[in-house]
Amino acid sequence: MNKIPMTKHGHQQLKDELDRLKKVERHKVIDEIETARAHGDLSENAEYHAAKERQGFIEGRIQELQGKISNAEVIDPTSMSGDRVVFGATVTIYDFGSDEENTYQIVGDDEADIKENKISFSSPIARSIIGKRVGEEVQLKTPGGQKEIEIVDVEFK
């Protein structure tokens, strides 16, 4: 099976979610099912069916998380250095078109959150800049057209 790259922080988030699902959510939904069963006829019991559906979702998510965690390739950006853009790097880019600088960290698919300036390594921007060095200019194909950017800084934090 292919390894799934993720940062230490992302790996810990998945482990925390798995722990919460197993220790809290799983028990809560079992209680909901028991309560709904106590209401009688299950064939027309919407609470029961909703709880069973939620139970199926929780069990599916637990299996998904266990698979991702077991196949994780955990990368610690703080142990890396250099001026080349790689997974885990925090990259500052200058967009010539908008005359703006933006900083992004390149992370795993499950960690990506644009509000926190974390982009997936499989995103178009990250795929375009991985392997490039500080000072290099890159042409990006975006839905809005072609963009030209420059890699201003690469940090590992």
Protein backbone atom coordinates (compact mmCIF):
# COMPACT_ATOMS: atom_id res chain seq x y z
CA MET A 1 0.00 0.00 0.00
CA ASN A 2 1.17 3.52 -0.72
CA LYS A 3 2.39 5.65 2.13
CA ILE A 4 0.33 8.75 2.91
CA PRO A 5 2.54 11.76 3.64
CA MET A 6 1.51 13.98 6.54
CA THR A 7 3.11 16.28 9.06
CA LYS A 8 3.46 15.37 12.73
CA HIS A 9 0.66 17.82 13.51
CA GLY A 10 -1.67 16.27 10.91
CA HIS A 11 -0.88 12.76 12.15
CA GLN A 12 -1.73 13.79 15.71
CA GLN A 13 -5.02 15.35 14.54
CA LEU A 14 -6.04 12.06 12.90
CA LYS A 15 -5.10 10.11 16.04
CA ASP A 16 -7.10 12.53 18.19
CA GLU A 17 -10.16 12.21 15.93
CA LEU A 18 -9.87 8.40 15.99
CA ASP A 19 -9.60 8.42 19.77
CA ARG A 20 -12.68 10.69 20.09
CA LEU A 21 -14.72 8.52 17.72
CA LYS A 22 -13.82 5.33 19.57
CA LYS A 23 -14.14 6.61 23.14
CA VAL A 24 -16.92 9.19 22.89
CA GLU A 25 -18.95 9.11 19.68
CA ARG A 26 -19.23 5.31 19.43
CA HIS A 27 -20.63 5.08 22.97
CA LYS A 28 -22.94 8.05 22.46
CA VAL A 29 -24.53 6.51 19.35
CA ILE A 30 -24.98 3.16 21.11
CA ASP A 31 -26.89 4.98 23.85
CA GLU A 32 -28.99 6.76 21.20
CA ILE A 33 -29.86 3.41 19.60
CA GLU A 34 -30.86 1.94 22.96
CA THR A 35 -33.05 4.96 23.74
CA ALA A 36 -34.71 4.78 20.32
CA ARG A 37 -35.33 1.03 20.72
CA ALA A 38 -37.16 1.73 23.95
CA HIS A 39 -39.72 3.77 21.98
CA GLY A 40 -41.17 0.63 20.42
CA ASP A 41 -41.82 -0.30 16.77
CA LEU A 42 -38.48 -0.01 14.94
CA SER A 43 -39.97 -0.06 11.43
CA GLU A 44 -41.38 3.45 11.84
CA ASN A 45 -38.88 4.81 14.35
CA ALA A 46 -37.00 7.68 12.70
CA GLU A 47 -34.73 8.18 15.72
CA TYR A 48 -33.62 4.56 15.54
CA HIS A 49 -32.88 4.72 11.80
CA ALA A 50 -31.00 8.02 12.18
CA ALA A 51 -28.90 6.60 15.02
CA LYS A 52 -28.11 3.43 13.03
CA GLU A 53 -27.08 5.56 10.05
CA ARG A 54 -24.84 7.67 12.28
CA GLN A 55 -23.35 4.48 13.74
CA GLY A 56 -22.50 3.30 10.23
CA PHE A 57 -20.83 6.62 9.45
CA ILE A 58 -18.79 6.52 12.68
CA GLU A 59 -17.64 2.93 12.08
CA GLY A 60 -16.72 3.77 8.49
CA ARG A 61 -14.74 6.82 9.56
CA ILE A 62 -12.94 4.78 12.25
CA GLN A 63 -11.85 2.27 9.59
CA GLU A 64 -10.76 5.06 7.24
CA LEU A 65 -8.70 6.77 9.95
CA GLN A 66 -7.08 3.50 11.04
CA GLY A 67 -6.03 2.88 7.43
CA LYS A 68 -4.59 6.37 7.01
CA ILE A 69 -2.73 6.23 10.31
CA SER A 70 -1.27 2.81 9.60
CA ASN A 71 -0.08 3.96 6.15
CA ALA A 72 1.16 7.36 7.31
CA GLU A 73 4.60 8.61 6.44
CA VAL A 74 5.05 11.20 9.16
CA ILE A 75 7.32 14.08 8.18
CA ASP A 76 8.63 16.58 10.70
CA PRO A 77 9.29 19.88 8.89
CA THR A 78 11.40 21.20 11.78
CA SER A 79 14.03 18.54 11.06
CA MET A 80 14.45 19.76 7.46
CA SER A 81 16.37 22.63 5.92
CA GLY A 82 17.35 24.10 2.59
CA ASP A 83 16.02 26.48 -0.04
CA ARG A 84 14.09 23.94 -2.12
CA VAL A 85 10.31 23.58 -1.81
CA VAL A 86 9.39 20.14 -0.42
CA PHE A 87 6.54 18.57 1.52
CA GLY A 88 6.16 20.28 4.90
CA ALA A 89 7.86 23.51 3.82
CA THR A 90 6.33 26.89 4.53
CA VAL A 91 6.66 28.84 1.29
CA THR A 92 6.25 32.55 0.64
CA ILE A 93 5.33 33.34 -2.96
CA TYR A 94 4.97 36.63 -4.79
CA ASP A 95 2.16 36.89 -7.34
CA PHE A 96 3.20 39.29 -10.10
CA GLY A 97 -0.41 39.74 -11.31
CA SER A 98 -1.90 40.81 -7.99
CA ASP A 99 1.32 42.29 -6.56
CA GLU A 100 0.76 40.25 -3.36
CA GLU A 101 2.84 37.94 -1.21
CA ASN A 102 1.20 34.85 0.29
CA THR A 103 2.62 32.22 2.60
CA TYR A 104 1.49 28.59 2.53
CA GLN A 105 2.57 25.40 4.23
CA ILE A 106 2.54 22.30 2.02
CA VAL A 107 0.79 19.51 3.92
CA GLY A 108 -1.08 16.24 3.41
CA ASP A 109 -4.54 16.03 1.87
CA ASP A 110 -6.28 15.61 5.24
CA GLU A 111 -4.49 18.61 6.75
CA ALA A 112 -5.20 21.13 4.00
CA ASP A 113 -7.07 24.21 5.25
CA ILE A 114 -6.86 27.38 3.20
CA LYS A 115 -8.04 29.46 6.20
CA GLU A 116 -4.84 28.40 7.95
CA ASN A 117 -2.78 28.81 4.75
CA LYS A 118 -2.17 25.07 4.54
CA ILE A 119 -2.38 23.63 1.03
CA SER A 120 -2.33 20.01 -0.03
CA PHE A 121 0.78 18.70 -1.75
CA SER A 122 -1.56 17.52 -4.51
CA SER A 123 -3.03 20.99 -5.15
CA PRO A 124 -2.12 22.72 -8.42
CA ILE A 125 -0.09 25.42 -6.65
CA ALA A 126 1.92 22.94 -4.58
CA ARG A 127 2.54 20.63 -7.56
CA SER A 128 3.86 23.62 -9.50
CA ILE A 129 6.31 24.78 -6.85
CA ILE A 130 7.57 21.54 -5.29
CA GLY A 131 11.19 21.07 -6.26
CA LYS A 132 11.72 24.76 -7.05
CA ARG A 133 14.19 26.99 -5.22
CA VAL A 134 14.04 30.46 -3.70
CA GLY A 135 14.19 33.05 -6.47
CA GLU A 136 12.69 30.82 -9.18
CA GLU A 137 9.74 32.07 -11.17
CA VAL A 138 6.92 29.64 -11.92
CA GLN A 139 4.03 29.71 -14.39
CA LEU A 140 0.78 28.47 -12.80
CA LYS A 141 -2.25 27.31 -14.73
CA THR A 142 -5.36 28.33 -12.79
CA PRO A 143 -9.06 28.32 -13.64
CA GLY A 144 -8.77 32.12 -13.96
CA GLY A 145 -5.89 31.83 -16.43
CA GLN A 146 -2.11 31.80 -16.33
CA LYS A 147 -0.33 33.28 -13.29
CA GLU A 148 3.29 34.06 -12.78
CA ILE A 149 4.73 33.73 -9.28
CA GLU A 150 8.15 33.86 -7.67
CA ILE A 151 9.30 31.81 -4.70
CA VAL A 152 10.44 34.38 -2.16
CA ASP A 153 11.23 32.24 0.89
CA VAL A 154 11.22 28.63 2.09
CA GLU A 155 11.09 27.86 5.81
CA PHE A 156 10.79 24.69 7.82
CA LYS A 157 8.87 25.28 11.03
